[in-house]
Amino acid sequence: MAHLTRLSFVAATLLATTCAVHSARAAEPPADLCSLLPASEVSKTLGRDYDSPQKTVAPRPYQNTASGTDCNYLAKGSKLWFRSYVDPSPTAATDLFARLSRFYGPQTPVNGVGDEAYFDGEHALHVRKGKVRFYLNLTPVDSASATEKQLRDLASRVCGRL
């Protein structure tokens, strides 16, 4: 009986480890961070026809940190800026998110999006999920509440892919 219990424990441990490794691999962000937010979803959510994103390198926020990706979606009279960074670990991302948040006040916390999120004073949305930090900024802001809802919807879609 003890042998059977030990064998069951080994099998359960092997299964849990295999699932954890598979889960960790699935959580890796794509190489093309702009693919987290397809132009078709931007157009549908924002109610305008947006072009495919113009992709550029986003600067490092501090020395010895990763550079990021800027994805700019343009439509007639409107621009959505999606900036994203992949940090070495969730701990590093949490630290950078907190350090950078000091520059974006006043803040309104947002629940239910990523691991932590807030709107800044310009109604741009800052989000951290795992080791990914991203920023969504829509201009112009016609209605703060409508813009914030749209950005929350887009951020939820991005988080669903991470």
Foldseek 3Di string as FASTA:
>chain_A
DVVVVVVVVVVVVVVVVVVVVVVVVQPDADPPLLVLFAQVLLCVLVVFRWDFWDKDWADDPDPPWDIWIWTWIDGVQKIKIKIKDFGPWQVVQVVVLVVVVVVFDDWDWDPPFAPTWTQGPQLKIWHDHIRMTMIIDMPPPPDSVSSNVSNSVSRNSSNVSD
